[in-house]
Amino acid sequence: MKSILEDVRRLIAFWRSQPRRLWLLYMFVYFCMGGVVQLALPYINIAYFSRPWQFATLYCGFLVPLSIALRGQPWHRQYAYFVTAIMPIEIGAFILGTSVAYPQNILEPVVGARNFTLAMVMIDSWIPYVGNRIVDLLWPLVRRSGEGDKTVPLHRSLEADG
């Protein structure tokens, strides 16, 4: 019987096996996406981070490793995992006040105050999928010419390990 520690070791080994250029591309893409979202928040008028640097830690520190782990999965599986992973972060952020809903935001009248956080989870869970799509488009341009795509999706590497 497998233990959770074995799964964590495999996940860490998987992350270590990914090319440095892939990590850098993800960091760049997610930093840019997070920056654009951060700059657009006052105009979107839904919610905001209580500290401006939070977007970098969330996007680069949390979403990048998660996205790399789910890269290559079908969209519906990625979205299901992203919803599951983002839900506790989003709920915790609103409880702790690190994410704050704008007063009279445009989402609350549509979904109601009780469903606001759920709606945010459902919306925000598309961000990593979009990030994966952008990286998939840019990766052929970034990797070294002649270097095959040595990245193996996590689900394939786990299947190979048996």
Protein backbone atom coordinates (compact mmCIF):
# COMPACT_ATOMS: atom_id res chain seq x y z
CA MET A 1 0.00 0.00 0.00
CA LYS A 2 1.32 3.42 -0.98
CA SER A 3 1.75 6.08 1.61
CA ILE A 4 1.12 9.75 1.12
CA LEU A 5 4.83 10.37 1.71
CA GLU A 6 5.65 8.24 -1.34
CA ASP A 7 3.26 10.34 -3.40
CA VAL A 8 4.84 13.56 -2.09
CA ARG A 9 8.32 12.21 -2.93
CA ARG A 10 7.18 11.36 -6.46
CA LEU A 11 5.65 14.79 -6.89
CA ILE A 12 8.84 16.51 -5.73
CA ALA A 13 10.92 14.26 -8.00
CA PHE A 14 8.58 15.14 -10.87
CA TRP A 15 8.96 18.87 -10.23
CA ARG A 16 12.75 18.50 -10.07
CA SER A 17 12.78 16.64 -13.39
CA GLN A 18 11.16 19.54 -15.26
CA PRO A 19 13.50 21.78 -17.26
CA ARG A 20 14.57 25.06 -15.69
CA ARG A 21 13.37 26.93 -18.78
CA LEU A 22 9.87 25.53 -18.24
CA TRP A 23 9.85 26.79 -14.65
CA LEU A 24 11.10 30.21 -15.76
CA LEU A 25 8.48 30.39 -18.50
CA TYR A 26 5.73 29.51 -16.01
CA MET A 27 7.02 32.10 -13.53
CA PHE A 28 7.10 34.78 -16.24
CA VAL A 29 3.64 33.93 -17.59
CA TYR A 30 2.01 33.72 -14.17
CA PHE A 31 3.73 36.86 -12.89
CA CYS A 32 2.44 38.73 -15.93
CA MET A 33 -1.05 37.24 -15.59
CA GLY A 34 -1.14 38.09 -11.89
CA GLY A 35 0.13 41.59 -12.56
CA VAL A 36 -2.52 42.20 -15.19
CA VAL A 37 -5.23 40.90 -12.86
CA GLN A 38 -3.85 43.03 -9.99
CA LEU A 39 -3.91 46.15 -12.16
CA ALA A 40 -7.40 45.35 -13.46
CA LEU A 41 -8.98 44.64 -10.05
CA PRO A 42 -10.11 48.23 -9.40
CA TYR A 43 -11.83 48.26 -12.80
CA ILE A 44 -13.29 44.76 -12.52
CA ASN A 45 -14.68 45.80 -9.14
CA ILE A 46 -15.18 42.35 -7.63
CA ALA A 47 -12.47 41.72 -5.02
CA TYR A 48 -8.88 42.70 -4.28
CA PHE A 49 -5.83 41.53 -2.33
CA SER A 50 -5.27 43.46 0.89
CA ARG A 51 -1.54 43.59 0.12
CA PRO A 52 -0.31 44.27 -3.41
CA TRP A 53 2.51 41.67 -3.32
CA GLN A 54 0.06 38.82 -2.67
CA PHE A 55 -0.53 38.21 -6.36
CA ALA A 56 3.12 37.20 -6.85
CA THR A 57 3.12 34.67 -4.00
CA LEU A 58 -0.21 33.21 -5.04
CA TYR A 59 0.43 33.04 -8.77
CA CYS A 60 4.14 32.10 -8.71
CA GLY A 61 4.39 30.23 -5.41
CA PHE A 62 1.14 28.26 -5.51
CA LEU A 63 -0.30 28.17 -9.02
CA VAL A 64 2.95 27.52 -10.90
CA PRO A 65 3.80 24.20 -9.17
CA LEU A 66 0.15 23.16 -9.32
CA SER A 67 -0.07 24.00 -13.02
CA ILE A 68 3.14 22.14 -13.84
CA ALA A 69 1.82 19.08 -12.01
CA LEU A 70 -1.42 19.17 -14.02
CA ARG A 71 0.09 20.13 -17.37
CA GLY A 72 -1.03 17.80 -20.13
CA GLN A 73 -4.23 16.72 -18.39
CA PRO A 74 -7.61 17.20 -20.13
CA TRP A 75 -9.23 20.57 -19.38
CA HIS A 76 -11.99 19.09 -17.22
CA ARG A 77 -9.52 17.23 -15.00
CA GLN A 78 -7.34 20.33 -14.65
CA TYR A 79 -10.36 22.42 -13.72
CA ALA A 80 -11.55 19.86 -11.15
CA TYR A 81 -8.12 19.77 -9.48
CA PHE A 82 -7.78 23.55 -9.63
CA VAL A 83 -11.20 24.02 -7.97
CA THR A 84 -10.20 21.57 -5.25
CA ALA A 85 -6.84 23.26 -4.66
CA ILE A 86 -8.01 26.86 -4.90
CA MET A 87 -11.11 26.46 -2.71
CA PRO A 88 -9.33 26.35 0.69
CA ILE A 89 -6.99 29.19 -0.35
CA GLU A 90 -9.90 31.37 -1.46
CA ILE A 91 -12.06 30.61 1.59
CA GLY A 92 -9.12 31.21 3.92
CA ALA A 93 -8.23 34.47 2.19
CA PHE A 94 -11.73 35.88 2.62
CA ILE A 95 -11.92 34.67 6.25
CA LEU A 96 -8.52 36.19 7.11
CA GLY A 97 -9.22 39.37 5.18
CA THR A 98 -6.30 39.01 2.78
CA SER A 99 -8.85 39.00 -0.04
CA VAL A 100 -11.55 41.62 0.27
CA ALA A 101 -14.75 42.00 -1.71
CA TYR A 102 -15.43 45.46 -3.05
CA PRO A 103 -18.57 47.02 -1.59
CA GLN A 104 -21.32 46.94 -4.21
CA ASN A 105 -19.23 44.61 -6.38
CA ILE A 106 -20.73 43.40 -9.65
CA LEU A 107 -20.76 39.70 -8.69
CA GLU A 108 -22.71 39.73 -5.42
CA PRO A 109 -26.05 40.88 -6.90
CA VAL A 110 -25.83 38.01 -9.39
CA VAL A 111 -24.86 35.15 -7.04
CA GLY A 112 -25.79 36.54 -3.62
CA ALA A 113 -23.62 37.23 -0.58
CA ARG A 114 -23.67 33.59 0.55
CA ASN A 115 -22.40 32.30 -2.78
CA PHE A 116 -19.82 35.02 -3.43
CA THR A 117 -16.77 32.98 -2.35
CA LEU A 118 -17.97 29.92 -4.26
CA ALA A 119 -18.36 32.05 -7.38
CA MET A 120 -14.85 33.42 -6.89
CA VAL A 121 -13.50 29.87 -6.61
CA MET A 122 -15.30 28.83 -9.79
CA ILE A 123 -13.99 31.89 -11.67
CA ASP A 124 -10.44 31.82 -10.29
CA SER A 125 -10.07 28.12 -11.05
CA TRP A 126 -9.90 28.96 -14.75
CA ILE A 127 -6.74 31.05 -14.27
CA PRO A 128 -4.30 28.10 -14.03
CA TYR A 129 -5.92 26.39 -17.02
CA VAL A 130 -5.45 29.56 -19.06
CA GLY A 131 -1.87 29.76 -17.79
CA ASN A 132 -1.22 26.19 -18.93
CA ARG A 133 -2.63 26.99 -22.38
CA ILE A 134 -0.40 30.07 -22.69
CA VAL A 135 2.68 28.09 -21.62
CA ASP A 136 1.77 25.33 -24.10
CA LEU A 137 1.71 27.95 -26.86
CA LEU A 138 5.00 29.57 -25.81
CA TRP A 139 6.98 26.46 -24.81
CA PRO A 140 7.98 25.48 -28.37
CA LEU A 141 9.47 28.98 -28.80
CA VAL A 142 11.35 28.93 -25.49
CA ARG A 143 12.90 25.49 -25.33
CA ARG A 144 16.25 25.09 -26.99
CA SER A 145 16.07 24.28 -30.68
CA GLY A 146 16.82 20.63 -31.30
CA GLU A 147 15.91 19.81 -27.72
CA GLY A 148 12.81 17.64 -27.69
CA ASP A 149 10.06 18.33 -25.22
CA LYS A 150 11.55 16.37 -22.34
CA THR A 151 8.66 17.26 -20.10
CA VAL A 152 6.49 14.31 -19.21
CA PRO A 153 3.12 15.06 -17.63
CA LEU A 154 2.83 13.93 -14.02
CA HIS A 155 0.08 11.43 -14.75
CA ARG A 156 2.28 9.75 -17.37
CA SER A 157 5.30 9.65 -15.08
CA LEU A 158 3.20 8.08 -12.33
CA GLU A 159 1.83 5.50 -14.79
CA ALA A 160 5.39 4.62 -15.80
CA ASP A 161 6.39 4.13 -12.16
CA GLY A 162 3.55 1.65 -11.78
